[in-house]
Amino acid sequence: MSSSPQPVAPEGREPPKGHYSPGMTAAPFLFISGHLPSIAPGSADLDAEAESAIRAMLEVLEAAGGTTRNLARVTVYLAGVEHWPAFNDVYARIMGDARPARTVVPVPALHHGYLVEIDAIAMI
């Protein structure tokens, strides 16, 4: 791996509309940008949005050669603390035995009206 940071993006995924990379490696770290669900805003409930956002974050992790075991820290932004229990259930199901450090931040609103956004740091 190069000593300078390198962008990481899952194959076949449309490039972000904003001025950023889905992920950036800076050996031995992988910094994963905040990921919103990949489904249409307002088209699903919290469970579907949470699963979509988690899977989008994991796609970047996998594109860098990692698995959930490589995650060191995950930050979750939820539009309303009342969504925490439902989010936690989806997260636990997808993450299995992996238990990276995690912070859940209740926020008043997220871009496009989504309920969840996730970013992460991994060691690859």
C-alpha atoms as a PDB file:
ATOM      1  CA  MET A   1       0.000   0.000   0.000  1.00  0.00           C
ATOM      2  CA  SER A   2       1.219   3.491  -0.795  1.00  0.00           C
ATOM      3  CA  SER A   3       2.381   5.752   2.029  1.00  0.00           C
ATOM      4  CA  SER A   4       0.030   8.541   0.902  1.00  0.00           C
ATOM      5  CA  PRO A   5      -3.737   8.249   1.408  1.00  0.00           C
ATOM      6  CA  GLN A   6      -5.549   6.428  -1.395  1.00  0.00           C
ATOM      7  CA  PRO A   7      -9.257   6.545  -2.257  1.00  0.00           C
ATOM      8  CA  VAL A   8     -11.395   3.411  -1.949  1.00  0.00           C
ATOM      9  CA  ALA A   9     -14.713   2.877  -3.701  1.00  0.00           C
ATOM     10  CA  PRO A  10     -16.751  -0.281  -4.285  1.00  0.00           C
ATOM     11  CA  GLU A  11     -16.765  -1.450  -7.915  1.00  0.00           C
ATOM     12  CA  GLY A  12     -19.853  -0.534  -9.851  1.00  0.00           C
ATOM     13  CA  ARG A  13     -21.070   2.053  -7.375  1.00  0.00           C
ATOM     14  CA  GLU A  14     -21.955   5.487  -8.732  1.00  0.00           C
ATOM     15  CA  PRO A  15     -19.411   8.114  -7.598  1.00  0.00           C
ATOM     16  CA  PRO A  16     -20.566  10.399  -4.776  1.00  0.00           C
ATOM     17  CA  LYS A  17     -22.288  13.597  -5.815  1.00  0.00           C
ATOM     18  CA  GLY A  18     -20.290  15.543  -3.212  1.00  0.00           C
ATOM     19  CA  HIS A  19     -16.569  16.318  -3.215  1.00  0.00           C
ATOM     20  CA  TYR A  20     -15.324  13.299  -1.219  1.00  0.00           C
ATOM     21  CA  SER A  21     -14.311   9.634  -1.498  1.00  0.00           C
ATOM     22  CA  PRO A  22     -16.415   6.788  -0.064  1.00  0.00           C
ATOM     23  CA  GLY A  23     -13.299   5.660   1.790  1.00  0.00           C
ATOM     24  CA  MET A  24      -9.658   6.608   2.174  1.00  0.00           C
ATOM     25  CA  THR A  25      -6.786   4.374   3.185  1.00  0.00           C
ATOM     26  CA  ALA A  26      -3.923   5.842   5.206  1.00  0.00           C
ATOM     27  CA  ALA A  27      -1.989   2.729   6.226  1.00  0.00           C
ATOM     28  CA  PRO A  28      -2.921   0.916   8.328  1.00  0.00           C
ATOM     29  CA  PHE A  29      -6.231   2.778   8.626  1.00  0.00           C
ATOM     30  CA  LEU A  30      -9.303   2.922   6.441  1.00  0.00           C
ATOM     31  CA  PHE A  31     -11.509   5.962   6.977  1.00  0.00           C
ATOM     32  CA  ILE A  32     -15.039   5.340   5.692  1.00  0.00           C
ATOM     33  CA  SER A  33     -17.100   8.424   4.862  1.00  0.00           C
ATOM     34  CA  GLY A  34     -20.607   8.838   6.188  1.00  0.00           C
ATOM     35  CA  HIS A  35     -23.031   6.628   4.273  1.00  0.00           C
ATOM     36  CA  LEU A  36     -26.723   7.267   3.969  1.00  0.00           C
ATOM     37  CA  PRO A  37     -29.071   4.479   2.902  1.00  0.00           C
ATOM     38  CA  SER A  38     -28.949   3.643  -0.796  1.00  0.00           C
ATOM     39  CA  ILE A  39     -32.744   3.462  -0.992  1.00  0.00           C
ATOM     40  CA  ALA A  40     -35.005   6.400  -1.859  1.00  0.00           C
ATOM     41  CA  PRO A  41     -35.528   8.752   1.093  1.00  0.00           C
ATOM     42  CA  GLY A  42     -38.841   8.212   2.845  1.00  0.00           C
ATOM     43  CA  SER A  43     -39.470   4.954   0.960  1.00  0.00           C
ATOM     44  CA  ALA A  44     -38.778   2.646   3.900  1.00  0.00           C
ATOM     45  CA  ASP A  45     -38.843   2.328   7.664  1.00  0.00           C
ATOM     46  CA  LEU A  46     -35.899   2.663  10.037  1.00  0.00           C
ATOM     47  CA  ASP A  47     -35.016  -1.047   9.788  1.00  0.00           C
ATOM     48  CA  ALA A  48     -34.654  -0.900   5.995  1.00  0.00           C
ATOM     49  CA  GLU A  49     -32.739   2.401   6.137  1.00  0.00           C
ATOM     50  CA  ALA A  50     -30.407   1.066   8.833  1.00  0.00           C
ATOM     51  CA  GLU A  51     -29.673  -2.113   6.907  1.00  0.00           C
ATOM     52  CA  SER A  52     -29.034  -0.167   3.706  1.00  0.00           C
ATOM     53  CA  ALA A  53     -26.664   2.322   5.380  1.00  0.00           C
ATOM     54  CA  ILE A  54     -24.753  -0.425   7.218  1.00  0.00           C
ATOM     55  CA  ARG A  55     -24.391  -2.463   4.019  1.00  0.00           C
ATOM     56  CA  ALA A  56     -23.165   0.630   2.109  1.00  0.00           C
ATOM     57  CA  MET A  57     -20.494   1.199   4.785  1.00  0.00           C
ATOM     58  CA  LEU A  58     -19.505  -2.481   4.678  1.00  0.00           C
ATOM     59  CA  GLU A  59     -19.162  -2.374   0.878  1.00  0.00           C
ATOM     60  CA  VAL A  60     -16.392   0.205   1.257  1.00  0.00           C
ATOM     61  CA  LEU A  61     -14.759  -1.895   3.966  1.00  0.00           C
ATOM     62  CA  GLU A  62     -14.855  -4.970   1.709  1.00  0.00           C
ATOM     63  CA  ALA A  63     -13.529  -2.981  -1.279  1.00  0.00           C
ATOM     64  CA  ALA A  64     -10.442  -2.249   0.846  1.00  0.00           C
ATOM     65  CA  GLY A  65     -10.074  -5.958   1.679  1.00  0.00           C
ATOM     66  CA  GLY A  66     -11.590  -5.810   5.154  1.00  0.00           C
ATOM     67  CA  THR A  67     -14.356  -7.492   7.108  1.00  0.00           C
ATOM     68  CA  THR A  68     -16.361  -6.475  10.161  1.00  0.00           C
ATOM     69  CA  ARG A  69     -13.445  -7.794  12.254  1.00  0.00           C
ATOM     70  CA  ASN A  70     -11.296  -4.907  10.925  1.00  0.00           C
ATOM     71  CA  LEU A  71     -13.657  -2.207  12.179  1.00  0.00           C
ATOM     72  CA  ALA A  72     -12.229  -0.216  15.084  1.00  0.00           C
ATOM     73  CA  ARG A  73     -14.866   2.502  15.439  1.00  0.00           C
ATOM     74  CA  VAL A  74     -18.330   3.188  14.037  1.00  0.00           C
ATOM     75  CA  THR A  75     -20.281   6.420  14.405  1.00  0.00           C
ATOM     76  CA  VAL A  76     -24.022   6.384  13.805  1.00  0.00           C
ATOM     77  CA  TYR A  77     -26.138   9.497  13.340  1.00  0.00           C
ATOM     78  CA  LEU A  78     -29.851   8.954  14.023  1.00  0.00           C
ATOM     79  CA  ALA A  79     -32.591  11.472  13.302  1.00  0.00           C
ATOM     80  CA  GLY A  80     -34.165  10.997  16.721  1.00  0.00           C
ATOM     81  CA  VAL A  81     -32.976   9.032  19.740  1.00  0.00           C
ATOM     82  CA  GLU A  82     -36.261   7.074  19.693  1.00  0.00           C
ATOM     83  CA  HIS A  83     -34.805   5.096  16.750  1.00  0.00           C
ATOM     84  CA  TRP A  84     -31.886   3.791  18.841  1.00  0.00           C
ATOM     85  CA  PRO A  85     -33.436   0.434  19.902  1.00  0.00           C
ATOM     86  CA  ALA A  86     -34.566  -0.472  16.372  1.00  0.00           C
ATOM     87  CA  PHE A  87     -31.220   0.581  14.907  1.00  0.00           C
ATOM     88  CA  ASN A  88     -29.338  -1.425  17.524  1.00  0.00           C
ATOM     89  CA  ASP A  89     -31.305  -4.576  16.648  1.00  0.00           C
ATOM     90  CA  VAL A  90     -30.483  -4.265  12.927  1.00  0.00           C
ATOM     91  CA  TYR A  91     -26.841  -3.410  13.669  1.00  0.00           C
ATOM     92  CA  ALA A  92     -26.401  -6.414  15.994  1.00  0.00           C
ATOM     93  CA  ARG A  93     -27.933  -8.769  13.409  1.00  0.00           C
ATOM     94  CA  ILE A  94     -25.633  -7.599  10.621  1.00  0.00           C
ATOM     95  CA  MET A  95     -22.452  -7.204  12.684  1.00  0.00           C
ATOM     96  CA  GLY A  96     -22.741 -10.566  14.447  1.00  0.00           C
ATOM     97  CA  ASP A  97     -19.827 -11.122  16.831  1.00  0.00           C
ATOM     98  CA  ALA A  98     -17.970  -7.975  15.691  1.00  0.00           C
ATOM     99  CA  ARG A  99     -18.209  -5.277  18.354  1.00  0.00           C
ATOM    100  CA  PRO A 100     -16.183  -2.238  17.305  1.00  0.00           C
ATOM    101  CA  ALA A 101     -16.260   0.868  19.481  1.00  0.00           C
ATOM    102  CA  ARG A 102     -19.424   2.765  18.594  1.00  0.00           C
ATOM    103  CA  THR A 103     -21.028   6.121  19.201  1.00  0.00           C
ATOM    104  CA  VAL A 104     -24.669   6.845  18.414  1.00  0.00           C
ATOM    105  CA  VAL A 105     -25.376  10.544  17.947  1.00  0.00           C
ATOM    106  CA  PRO A 106     -29.002  11.710  17.941  1.00  0.00           C
ATOM    107  CA  VAL A 107     -29.429  14.580  15.471  1.00  0.00           C
ATOM    108  CA  PRO A 108     -32.474  16.658  14.541  1.00  0.00           C
ATOM    109  CA  ALA A 109     -32.260  15.873  10.816  1.00  0.00           C
ATOM    110  CA  LEU A 110     -30.097  14.239   8.130  1.00  0.00           C
ATOM    111  CA  HIS A 111     -29.604  15.050   4.455  1.00  0.00           C
ATOM    112  CA  HIS A 112     -32.564  14.213   2.170  1.00  0.00           C
ATOM    113  CA  GLY A 113     -34.712  13.335   5.212  1.00  0.00           C
ATOM    114  CA  TYR A 114     -32.980  10.026   5.962  1.00  0.00           C
ATOM    115  CA  LEU A 115     -33.101   8.622   9.484  1.00  0.00           C
ATOM    116  CA  VAL A 116     -29.591   7.127   9.661  1.00  0.00           C
ATOM    117  CA  GLU A 117     -26.023   7.807   8.493  1.00  0.00           C
ATOM    118  CA  ILE A 118     -22.931   5.756   9.379  1.00  0.00           C
ATOM    119  CA  ASP A 119     -19.188   6.332   9.167  1.00  0.00           C
ATOM    120  CA  ALA A 120     -16.317   4.163  10.397  1.00  0.00           C
ATOM    121  CA  ILE A 121     -12.606   3.682  10.940  1.00  0.00           C
ATOM    122  CA  ALA A 122     -10.991   0.296  10.317  1.00  0.00           C
ATOM    123  CA  MET A 123      -7.507  -1.171  10.422  1.00  0.00           C
ATOM    124  CA  ILE A 124      -6.643  -2.987   7.210  1.00  0.00           C
END
